[in-house]
PDB file of N, CA and C in Angstrom:
ATOM      1  N   MET A   1     -33.269  93.086 -44.999  1.00  0.00           N
ATOM      2  CA  MET A   1     -33.635  91.754 -45.442  1.00  0.00           C
ATOM      3  C   MET A   1     -33.018  90.739 -44.467  1.00  0.00           C
ATOM      4  N   ALA A   2     -33.811  89.749 -44.056  1.00  0.00           N
ATOM      5  CA  ALA A   2     -33.336  88.725 -43.119  1.00  0.00           C
ATOM      6  C   ALA A   2     -32.515  87.683 -43.868  1.00  0.00           C
ATOM      7  N   LYS A   3     -31.507  87.143 -43.162  1.00  0.00           N
ATOM      8  CA  LYS A   3     -30.702  86.104 -43.806  1.00  0.00           C
ATOM      9  C   LYS A   3     -31.402  84.756 -43.695  1.00  0.00           C
ATOM     10  N   MET A   4     -31.048  83.845 -44.592  1.00  0.00           N
ATOM     11  CA  MET A   4     -31.678  82.537 -44.659  1.00  0.00           C
ATOM     12  C   MET A   4     -31.165  81.645 -43.532  1.00  0.00           C
ATOM     13  N   THR A   5     -32.093  81.010 -42.816  1.00  0.00           N
ATOM     14  CA  THR A   5     -31.700  80.084 -41.748  1.00  0.00           C
ATOM     15  C   THR A   5     -31.388  78.720 -42.356  1.00  0.00           C
ATOM     16  N   LYS A   6     -30.808  77.845 -41.537  1.00  0.00           N
ATOM     17  CA  LYS A   6     -30.463  76.509 -42.025  1.00  0.00           C
ATOM     18  C   LYS A   6     -31.724  75.743 -42.436  1.00  0.00           C
ATOM     19  N   SER A   7     -32.793  75.846 -41.647  1.00  0.00           N
ATOM     20  CA  SER A   7     -34.023  75.125 -41.987  1.00  0.00           C
ATOM     21  C   SER A   7     -34.632  75.667 -43.279  1.00  0.00           C
ATOM     22  N   GLN A   8     -34.552  76.983 -43.503  1.00  0.00           N
ATOM     23  CA  GLN A   8     -35.047  77.557 -44.751  1.00  0.00           C
ATOM     24  C   GLN A   8     -34.197  77.089 -45.932  1.00  0.00           C
ATOM     25  N   LEU A   9     -32.882  77.023 -45.727  1.00  0.00           N
ATOM     26  CA  LEU A   9     -31.975  76.546 -46.764  1.00  0.00           C
ATOM     27  C   LEU A   9     -32.302  75.096 -47.122  1.00  0.00           C
ATOM     28  N   LEU A  10     -32.486  74.251 -46.105  1.00  0.00           N
ATOM     29  CA  LEU A  10     -32.801  72.843 -46.347  1.00  0.00           C
ATOM     30  C   LEU A  10     -34.135  72.698 -47.078  1.00  0.00           C
ATOM     31  N   ALA A  11     -35.136  73.472 -46.679  1.00  0.00           N
ATOM     32  CA  ALA A  11     -36.445  73.399 -47.323  1.00  0.00           C
ATOM     33  C   ALA A  11     -36.351  73.817 -48.789  1.00  0.00           C
ATOM     34  N   THR A  12     -35.621  74.895 -49.066  1.00  0.00           N
ATOM     35  CA  THR A  12     -35.479  75.386 -50.438  1.00  0.00           C
ATOM     36  C   THR A  12     -34.713  74.391 -51.300  1.00  0.00           C
ATOM     37  N   LEU A  13     -33.621  73.847 -50.762  1.00  0.00           N
ATOM     38  CA  LEU A  13     -32.843  72.853 -51.515  1.00  0.00           C
ATOM     39  C   LEU A  13     -33.666  71.598 -51.775  1.00  0.00           C
ATOM     40  N   ALA A  14     -34.405  71.142 -50.772  1.00  0.00           N
ATOM     41  CA  ALA A  14     -35.232  69.947 -50.932  1.00  0.00           C
ATOM     42  C   ALA A  14     -36.283  70.172 -52.012  1.00  0.00           C
ATOM     43  N   GLU A  15     -36.887  71.337 -52.000  1.00  0.00           N
ATOM     44  CA  GLU A  15     -37.918  71.668 -52.991  1.00  0.00           C
ATOM     45  C   GLU A  15     -37.332  71.732 -54.401  1.00  0.00           C
ATOM     46  N   ASN A  16     -36.152  72.329 -54.536  1.00  0.00           N
ATOM     47  CA  ASN A  16     -35.545  72.504 -55.858  1.00  0.00           C
ATOM     48  C   ASN A  16     -34.913  71.239 -56.416  1.00  0.00           C
ATOM     49  N   THR A  17     -34.506  70.313 -55.549  1.00  0.00           N
ATOM     50  CA  THR A  17     -33.841  69.102 -56.021  1.00  0.00           C
ATOM     51  C   THR A  17     -34.751  67.887 -56.050  1.00  0.00           C
ATOM     52  N   GLY A  18     -35.881  67.955 -55.354  1.00  0.00           N
ATOM     53  CA  GLY A  18     -36.772  66.795 -55.301  1.00  0.00           C
ATOM     54  C   GLY A  18     -36.372  65.799 -54.231  1.00  0.00           C
ATOM     55  N   LEU A  19     -35.337  66.089 -53.471  1.00  0.00           N
ATOM     56  CA  LEU A  19     -34.923  65.225 -52.366  1.00  0.00           C
ATOM     57  C   LEU A  19     -35.743  65.562 -51.123  1.00  0.00           C
ATOM     58  N   SER A  20     -35.740  64.642 -50.162  1.00  0.00           N
ATOM     59  CA  SER A  20     -36.406  64.934 -48.895  1.00  0.00           C
ATOM     60  C   SER A  20     -35.531  65.872 -48.075  1.00  0.00           C
ATOM     61  N   LYS A  21     -36.131  66.533 -47.089  1.00  0.00           N
ATOM     62  CA  LYS A  21     -35.356  67.421 -46.221  1.00  0.00           C
ATOM     63  C   LYS A  21     -34.284  66.637 -45.479  1.00  0.00           C
ATOM     64  N   LYS A  22     -34.608  65.404 -45.084  1.00  0.00           N
ATOM     65  CA  LYS A  22     -33.652  64.558 -44.356  1.00  0.00           C
ATOM     66  C   LYS A  22     -32.444  64.239 -45.242  1.00  0.00           C
ATOM     67  N   ASP A  23     -32.698  63.879 -46.502  1.00  0.00           N
ATOM     68  CA  ASP A  23     -31.599  63.583 -47.431  1.00  0.00           C
ATOM     69  C   ASP A  23     -30.771  64.831 -47.718  1.00  0.00           C
ATOM     70  N   THR A  24     -31.436  65.969 -47.869  1.00  0.00           N
ATOM     71  CA  THR A  24     -30.740  67.229 -48.122  1.00  0.00           C
ATOM     72  C   THR A  24     -29.855  67.601 -46.945  1.00  0.00           C
ATOM     73  N   ALA A  25     -30.366  67.417 -45.727  1.00  0.00           N
ATOM     74  CA  ALA A  25     -29.578  67.704 -44.524  1.00  0.00           C
ATOM     75  C   ALA A  25     -28.366  66.781 -44.453  1.00  0.00           C
ATOM     76  N   ALA A  26     -28.546  65.513 -44.809  1.00  0.00           N
ATOM     77  CA  ALA A  26     -27.435  64.559 -44.796  1.00  0.00           C
ATOM     78  C   ALA A  26     -26.359  64.956 -45.809  1.00  0.00           C
ATOM     79  N   VAL A  27     -26.777  65.400 -46.981  1.00  0.00           N
ATOM     80  CA  VAL A  27     -25.820  65.830 -48.017  1.00  0.00           C
ATOM     81  C   VAL A  27     -25.025  67.042 -47.531  1.00  0.00           C
ATOM     82  N   LEU A  28     -25.711  68.027 -46.953  1.00  0.00           N
ATOM     83  CA  LEU A  28     -25.013  69.220 -46.459  1.00  0.00           C
ATOM     84  C   LEU A  28     -24.041  68.871 -45.342  1.00  0.00           C
ATOM     85  N   ASP A  29     -24.460  68.001 -44.423  1.00  0.00           N
ATOM     86  CA  ASP A  29     -23.587  67.603 -43.322  1.00  0.00           C
ATOM     87  C   ASP A  29     -22.352  66.849 -43.824  1.00  0.00           C
ATOM     88  N   LYS A  30     -22.549  65.956 -44.792  1.00  0.00           N
ATOM     89  CA  LYS A  30     -21.415  65.208 -45.361  1.00  0.00           C
ATOM     90  C   LYS A  30     -20.483  66.136 -46.137  1.00  0.00           C
ATOM     91  N   LEU A  31     -21.048  67.114 -46.842  1.00  0.00           N
ATOM     92  CA  LEU A  31     -20.226  68.072 -47.583  1.00  0.00           C
ATOM     93  C   LEU A  31     -19.358  68.885 -46.624  1.00  0.00           C
ATOM     94  N   ALA A  32     -19.943  69.334 -45.524  1.00  0.00           N
ATOM     95  CA  ALA A  32     -19.183  70.097 -44.529  1.00  0.00           C
ATOM     96  C   ALA A  32     -18.087  69.237 -43.916  1.00  0.00           C
ATOM     97  N   ALA A  33     -18.413  68.004 -43.546  1.00  0.00           N
ATOM     98  CA  ALA A  33     -17.416  67.105 -42.946  1.00  0.00           C
ATOM     99  C   ALA A  33     -16.282  66.821 -43.927  1.00  0.00           C
ATOM    100  N   MET A  34     -16.629  66.624 -45.200  1.00  0.00           N
ATOM    101  CA  MET A  34     -15.614  66.370 -46.219  1.00  0.00           C
ATOM    102  C   MET A  34     -14.724  67.599 -46.403  1.00  0.00           C
ATOM    103  N   ALA A  35     -15.311  68.790 -46.395  1.00  0.00           N
ATOM    104  CA  ALA A  35     -14.533  70.019 -46.536  1.00  0.00           C
ATOM    105  C   ALA A  35     -13.547  70.163 -45.387  1.00  0.00           C
ATOM    106  N   TYR A  36     -14.001  69.929 -44.153  1.00  0.00           N
ATOM    107  CA  TYR A  36     -13.124  70.060 -42.990  1.00  0.00           C
ATOM    108  C   TYR A  36     -11.971  69.067 -43.051  1.00  0.00           C
ATOM    109  N   SER A  37     -12.256  67.813 -43.403  1.00  0.00           N
ATOM    110  CA  SER A  37     -11.188  66.809 -43.437  1.00  0.00           C
ATOM    111  C   SER A  37     -10.194  67.086 -44.559  1.00  0.00           C
ATOM    112  N   GLU A  38     -10.681  67.551 -45.706  1.00  0.00           N
ATOM    113  CA  GLU A  38      -9.781  67.866 -46.826  1.00  0.00           C
ATOM    114  C   GLU A  38      -8.876  69.055 -46.507  1.00  0.00           C
ATOM    115  N   VAL A  39      -9.429  70.086 -45.868  1.00  0.00           N
ATOM    116  CA  VAL A  39      -8.607  71.244 -45.501  1.00  0.00           C
ATOM    117  C   VAL A  39      -7.557  70.821 -44.490  1.00  0.00           C
ATOM    118  N   LYS A  40      -7.940  69.982 -43.540  1.00  0.00           N
ATOM    119  CA  LYS A  40      -6.997  69.518 -42.530  1.00  0.00           C
ATOM    120  C   LYS A  40      -5.892  68.672 -43.153  1.00  0.00           C
ATOM    121  N   LYS A  41      -6.271  67.799 -44.113  1.00  0.00           N
ATOM    122  CA  LYS A  41      -5.321  66.881 -44.724  1.00  0.00           C
ATOM    123  C   LYS A  41      -4.502  67.528 -45.844  1.00  0.00           C
ATOM    124  N   ALA A  42      -5.178  68.171 -46.806  1.00  0.00           N
ATOM    125  CA  ALA A  42      -4.509  68.669 -48.004  1.00  0.00           C
ATOM    126  C   ALA A  42      -4.242  70.169 -47.995  1.00  0.00           C
ATOM    127  N   GLY A  43      -4.874  70.900 -47.064  1.00  0.00           N
ATOM    128  CA  GLY A  43      -4.630  72.333 -46.999  1.00  0.00           C
ATOM    129  C   GLY A  43      -5.644  73.184 -47.732  1.00  0.00           C
ATOM    130  N   GLU A  44      -6.493  72.550 -48.574  1.00  0.00           N
ATOM    131  CA  GLU A  44      -7.542  73.314 -49.243  1.00  0.00           C
ATOM    132  C   GLU A  44      -8.666  72.408 -49.710  1.00  0.00           C
ATOM    133  N   PHE A  45      -9.847  73.010 -49.876  1.00  0.00           N
ATOM    134  CA  PHE A  45     -11.026  72.316 -50.388  1.00  0.00           C
ATOM    135  C   PHE A  45     -11.753  73.272 -51.320  1.00  0.00           C
ATOM    136  N   ALA A  46     -11.911  72.871 -52.578  1.00  0.00           N
ATOM    137  CA  ALA A  46     -12.558  73.736 -53.567  1.00  0.00           C
ATOM    138  C   ALA A  46     -13.966  73.253 -53.853  1.00  0.00           C
ATOM    139  N   LEU A  47     -14.882  74.193 -53.923  1.00  0.00           N
ATOM    140  CA  LEU A  47     -16.261  73.926 -54.338  1.00  0.00           C
ATOM    141  C   LEU A  47     -16.459  74.725 -55.627  1.00  0.00           C
ATOM    142  N   PRO A  48     -16.393  74.066 -56.803  1.00  0.00           N
ATOM    143  CA  PRO A  48     -16.430  74.773 -58.083  1.00  0.00           C
ATOM    144  C   PRO A  48     -17.619  75.729 -58.189  1.00  0.00           C
ATOM    145  N   GLY A  49     -17.343  76.936 -58.654  1.00  0.00           N
ATOM    146  CA  GLY A  49     -18.373  77.941 -58.831  1.00  0.00           C
ATOM    147  C   GLY A  49     -18.730  78.692 -57.561  1.00  0.00           C
ATOM    148  N   PHE A  50     -18.147  78.303 -56.434  1.00  0.00           N
ATOM    149  CA  PHE A  50     -18.478  78.927 -55.157  1.00  0.00           C
ATOM    150  C   PHE A  50     -17.240  79.517 -54.490  1.00  0.00           C
ATOM    151  N   GLY A  51     -16.195  78.712 -54.358  1.00  0.00           N
ATOM    152  CA  GLY A  51     -14.950  79.185 -53.760  1.00  0.00           C
ATOM    153  C   GLY A  51     -14.169  78.042 -53.154  1.00  0.00           C
ATOM    154  N   LYS A  52     -13.168  78.394 -52.346  1.00  0.00           N
ATOM    155  CA  LYS A  52     -12.402  77.337 -51.682  1.00  0.00           C
ATOM    156  C   LYS A  52     -11.959  77.764 -50.301  1.00  0.00           C
ATOM    157  N   MET A  53     -11.898  76.762 -49.413  1.00  0.00           N
ATOM    158  CA  MET A  53     -11.374  76.954 -48.064  1.00  0.00           C
ATOM    159  C   MET A  53      -9.892  76.637 -48.130  1.00  0.00           C
ATOM    160  N   VAL A  54      -9.072  77.488 -47.513  1.00  0.00           N
ATOM    161  CA  VAL A  54      -7.625  77.326 -47.572  1.00  0.00           C
ATOM    162  C   VAL A  54      -7.045  77.474 -46.173  1.00  0.00           C
ATOM    163  N   LYS A  55      -6.121  76.569 -45.824  1.00  0.00           N
ATOM    164  CA  LYS A  55      -5.417  76.647 -44.550  1.00  0.00           C
ATOM    165  C   LYS A  55      -4.166  77.485 -44.764  1.00  0.00           C
ATOM    166  N   ILE A  56      -3.973  78.510 -43.920  1.00  0.00           N
ATOM    167  CA  ILE A  56      -2.863  79.452 -44.082  1.00  0.00           C
ATOM    168  C   ILE A  56      -2.087  79.584 -42.771  1.00  0.00           C
ATOM    169  N   GLN A  57      -0.756  79.691 -42.877  1.00  0.00           N
ATOM    170  CA  GLN A  57       0.109  79.928 -41.717  1.00  0.00           C
ATOM    171  C   GLN A  57       0.295  81.427 -41.540  1.00  0.00           C
ATOM    172  N   ARG A  58      -0.048  81.946 -40.377  1.00  0.00           N
ATOM    173  CA  ARG A  58       0.220  83.364 -40.072  1.00  0.00           C
ATOM    174  C   ARG A  58       1.527  83.444 -39.304  1.00  0.00           C
ATOM    175  N   LYS A  59       2.353  84.422 -39.637  1.00  0.00           N
ATOM    176  CA  LYS A  59       3.619  84.626 -38.947  1.00  0.00           C
ATOM    177  C   LYS A  59       3.380  85.301 -37.606  1.00  0.00           C
ATOM    178  N   ALA A  60       4.334  85.147 -36.708  1.00  0.00           N
ATOM    179  CA  ALA A  60       4.278  85.866 -35.432  1.00  0.00           C
ATOM    180  C   ALA A  60       4.437  87.352 -35.721  1.00  0.00           C
ATOM    181  N   ARG A  61       3.767  88.183 -34.935  1.00  0.00           N
ATOM    182  CA  ARG A  61       3.859  89.618 -35.173  1.00  0.00           C
ATOM    183  C   ARG A  61       3.684  90.383 -33.866  1.00  0.00           C
ATOM    184  N   THR A  62       3.984  91.660 -33.906  1.00  0.00           N
ATOM    185  CA  THR A  62       3.819  92.530 -32.749  1.00  0.00           C
ATOM    186  C   THR A  62       2.480  93.234 -32.867  1.00  0.00           C
ATOM    187  N   GLY A  63       1.736  93.262 -31.762  1.00  0.00           N
ATOM    188  CA  GLY A  63       0.444  93.929 -31.743  1.00  0.00           C
ATOM    189  C   GLY A  63       0.370  94.907 -30.590  1.00  0.00           C
ATOM    190  N   ARG A  64      -0.802  95.479 -30.394  1.00  0.00           N
ATOM    191  CA  ARG A  64      -0.995  96.454 -29.327  1.00  0.00           C
ATOM    192  C   ARG A  64      -2.291  96.152 -28.604  1.00  0.00           C
ATOM    193  N   ASN A  65      -2.233  96.112 -27.280  1.00  0.00           N
ATOM    194  CA  ASN A  65      -3.423  95.918 -26.463  1.00  0.00           C
ATOM    195  C   ASN A  65      -4.232  97.215 -26.521  1.00  0.00           C
ATOM    196  N   PRO A  66      -5.459  97.185 -27.068  1.00  0.00           N
ATOM    197  CA  PRO A  66      -6.220  98.431 -27.215  1.00  0.00           C
ATOM    198  C   PRO A  66      -6.631  99.056 -25.881  1.00  0.00           C
ATOM    199  N   ALA A  67      -6.760  98.256 -24.835  1.00  0.00           N
ATOM    200  CA  ALA A  67      -7.180  98.792 -23.539  1.00  0.00           C
ATOM    201  C   ALA A  67      -6.052  99.563 -22.849  1.00  0.00           C
ATOM    202  N   THR A  68      -4.831  99.004 -22.893  1.00  0.00           N
ATOM    203  CA  THR A  68      -3.721  99.621 -22.168  1.00  0.00           C
ATOM    204  C   THR A  68      -2.723 100.322 -23.073  1.00  0.00           C
ATOM    205  N   GLY A  69      -2.726  99.972 -24.366  1.00  0.00           N
ATOM    206  CA  GLY A  69      -1.759 100.544 -25.288  1.00  0.00           C
ATOM    207  C   GLY A  69      -0.415  99.832 -25.231  1.00  0.00           C
ATOM    208  N   ALA A  70      -0.318  98.779 -24.406  1.00  0.00           N
ATOM    209  CA  ALA A  70       0.942  98.042 -24.269  1.00  0.00           C
ATOM    210  C   ALA A  70       1.217  97.214 -25.525  1.00  0.00           C
ATOM    211  N   THR A  71       2.488  97.096 -25.884  1.00  0.00           N
ATOM    212  CA  THR A  71       2.893  96.269 -27.014  1.00  0.00           C
ATOM    213  C   THR A  71       2.910  94.811 -26.567  1.00  0.00           C
ATOM    214  N   ILE A  72       2.332  93.936 -27.397  1.00  0.00           N
ATOM    215  CA  ILE A  72       2.318  92.505 -27.082  1.00  0.00           C
ATOM    216  C   ILE A  72       2.818  91.719 -28.277  1.00  0.00           C
ATOM    217  N   GLN A  73       3.296  90.515 -28.022  1.00  0.00           N
ATOM    218  CA  GLN A  73       3.766  89.630 -29.083  1.00  0.00           C
ATOM    219  C   GLN A  73       2.647  88.644 -29.415  1.00  0.00           C
ATOM    220  N   ILE A  74       2.201  88.622 -30.669  1.00  0.00           N
ATOM    221  CA  ILE A  74       1.165  87.702 -31.113  1.00  0.00           C
ATOM    222  C   ILE A  74       1.869  86.501 -31.741  1.00  0.00           C
ATOM    223  N   PRO A  75       1.621  85.284 -31.247  1.00  0.00           N
ATOM    224  CA  PRO A  75       2.322  84.104 -31.761  1.00  0.00           C
ATOM    225  C   PRO A  75       1.852  83.700 -33.154  1.00  0.00           C
ATOM    226  N   ALA A  76       2.683  82.922 -33.845  1.00  0.00           N
ATOM    227  CA  ALA A  76       2.311  82.384 -35.150  1.00  0.00           C
ATOM    228  C   ALA A  76       1.184  81.381 -34.948  1.00  0.00           C
ATOM    229  N   LYS A  77       0.285  81.287 -35.945  1.00  0.00           N
ATOM    230  CA  LYS A  77      -0.793  80.306 -35.850  1.00  0.00           C
ATOM    231  C   LYS A  77      -1.322  79.960 -37.222  1.00  0.00           C
ATOM    232  N   THR A  78      -2.075  78.871 -37.289  1.00  0.00           N
ATOM    233  CA  THR A  78      -2.699  78.433 -38.518  1.00  0.00           C
ATOM    234  C   THR A  78      -4.154  78.871 -38.504  1.00  0.00           C
ATOM    235  N   VAL A  79      -4.633  79.432 -39.618  1.00  0.00           N
ATOM    236  CA  VAL A  79      -6.019  79.874 -39.731  1.00  0.00           C
ATOM    237  C   VAL A  79      -6.632  79.320 -41.017  1.00  0.00           C
ATOM    238  N   VAL A  80      -7.957  79.300 -41.079  1.00  0.00           N
ATOM    239  CA  VAL A  80      -8.667  78.869 -42.277  1.00  0.00           C
ATOM    240  C   VAL A  80      -9.346  80.095 -42.882  1.00  0.00           C
ATOM    241  N   LYS A  81      -9.155  80.280 -44.184  1.00  0.00           N
ATOM    242  CA  LYS A  81      -9.779  81.398 -44.898  1.00  0.00           C
ATOM    243  C   LYS A  81     -10.634  80.834 -46.026  1.00  0.00           C
ATOM    244  N   PHE A  82     -11.639  81.612 -46.436  1.00  0.00           N
ATOM    245  CA  PHE A  82     -12.467  81.227 -47.572  1.00  0.00           C
ATOM    246  C   PHE A  82     -12.241  82.230 -48.689  1.00  0.00           C
ATOM    247  N   ARG A  83     -11.874  81.726 -49.854  1.00  0.00           N
ATOM    248  CA  ARG A  83     -11.656  82.573 -51.025  1.00  0.00           C
ATOM    249  C   ARG A  83     -12.811  82.369 -51.990  1.00  0.00           C
ATOM    250  N   VAL A  84     -13.545  83.422 -52.271  1.00  0.00           N
ATOM    251  CA  VAL A  84     -14.702  83.359 -53.160  1.00  0.00           C
ATOM    252  C   VAL A  84     -14.224  83.261 -54.601  1.00  0.00           C
ATOM    253  N   SER A  85     -14.888  82.404 -55.392  1.00  0.00           N
ATOM    254  CA  SER A  85     -14.494  82.226 -56.786  1.00  0.00           C
ATOM    255  C   SER A  85     -14.893  83.435 -57.633  1.00  0.00           C
ATOM    256  N   LYS A  86     -14.240  83.567 -58.769  1.00  0.00           N
ATOM    257  CA  LYS A  86     -14.521  84.666 -59.681  1.00  0.00           C
ATOM    258  C   LYS A  86     -15.966  84.590 -60.182  1.00  0.00           C
ATOM    259  N   ALA A  87     -16.437  83.381 -60.467  1.00  0.00           N
ATOM    260  CA  ALA A  87     -17.813  83.197 -60.948  1.00  0.00           C
ATOM    261  C   ALA A  87     -18.825  83.655 -59.901  1.00  0.00           C
ATOM    262  N   ALA A  88     -18.566  83.360 -58.619  1.00  0.00           N
ATOM    263  CA  ALA A  88     -19.473  83.768 -57.548  1.00  0.00           C
ATOM    264  C   ALA A  88     -19.470  85.290 -57.399  1.00  0.00           C
ATOM    265  N   LYS A  89     -18.291  85.893 -57.484  1.00  0.00           N
ATOM    266  CA  LYS A  89     -18.202  87.355 -57.388  1.00  0.00           C
ATOM    267  C   LYS A  89     -19.005  88.013 -58.508  1.00  0.00           C
ATOM    268  N   GLU A  90     -18.829  87.517 -59.723  1.00  0.00           N
ATOM    269  CA  GLU A  90     -19.529  88.102 -60.862  1.00  0.00           C
ATOM    270  C   GLU A  90     -21.035  87.907 -60.763  1.00  0.00           C
ATOM    271  N   ALA A  91     -21.479  86.759 -60.237  1.00  0.00           N
ATOM    272  CA  ALA A  91     -22.907  86.497 -60.099  1.00  0.00           C
ATOM    273  C   ALA A  91     -23.558  87.396 -59.061  1.00  0.00           C
ATOM    274  N   VAL A  92     -22.836  87.692 -57.972  1.00  0.00           N
ATOM    275  CA  VAL A  92     -23.376  88.497 -56.886  1.00  0.00           C
ATOM    276  C   VAL A  92     -23.235  89.978 -57.163  1.00  0.00           C
ATOM    277  N   LEU A  93     -22.078  90.382 -57.671  1.00  0.00           N
ATOM    278  CA  LEU A  93     -21.831  91.791 -57.901  1.00  0.00           C
ATOM    279  C   LEU A  93     -22.251  92.155 -59.294  1.00  0.00           C
TER     280      LEU A  93
END
């Protein structure tokens, strides 16, 4: 089964909500921008019934170069993870 493209998503949302494709695209773009700014500022952004984006600090650790087998030091860094809500898991699974 093929995955849904952005244009297909916009068309389906526009059809189901009665909004124009242009308005639907604007809403999605603003939602994404708001999510990014909230995660950057507050550390998390929740979308009820869907999940939340969370900013997490990873500790420095020792790794291994798969090509040479040499031990390397991986520095600490900040990453963004998405945690799926319980309602979304139950709906899909």
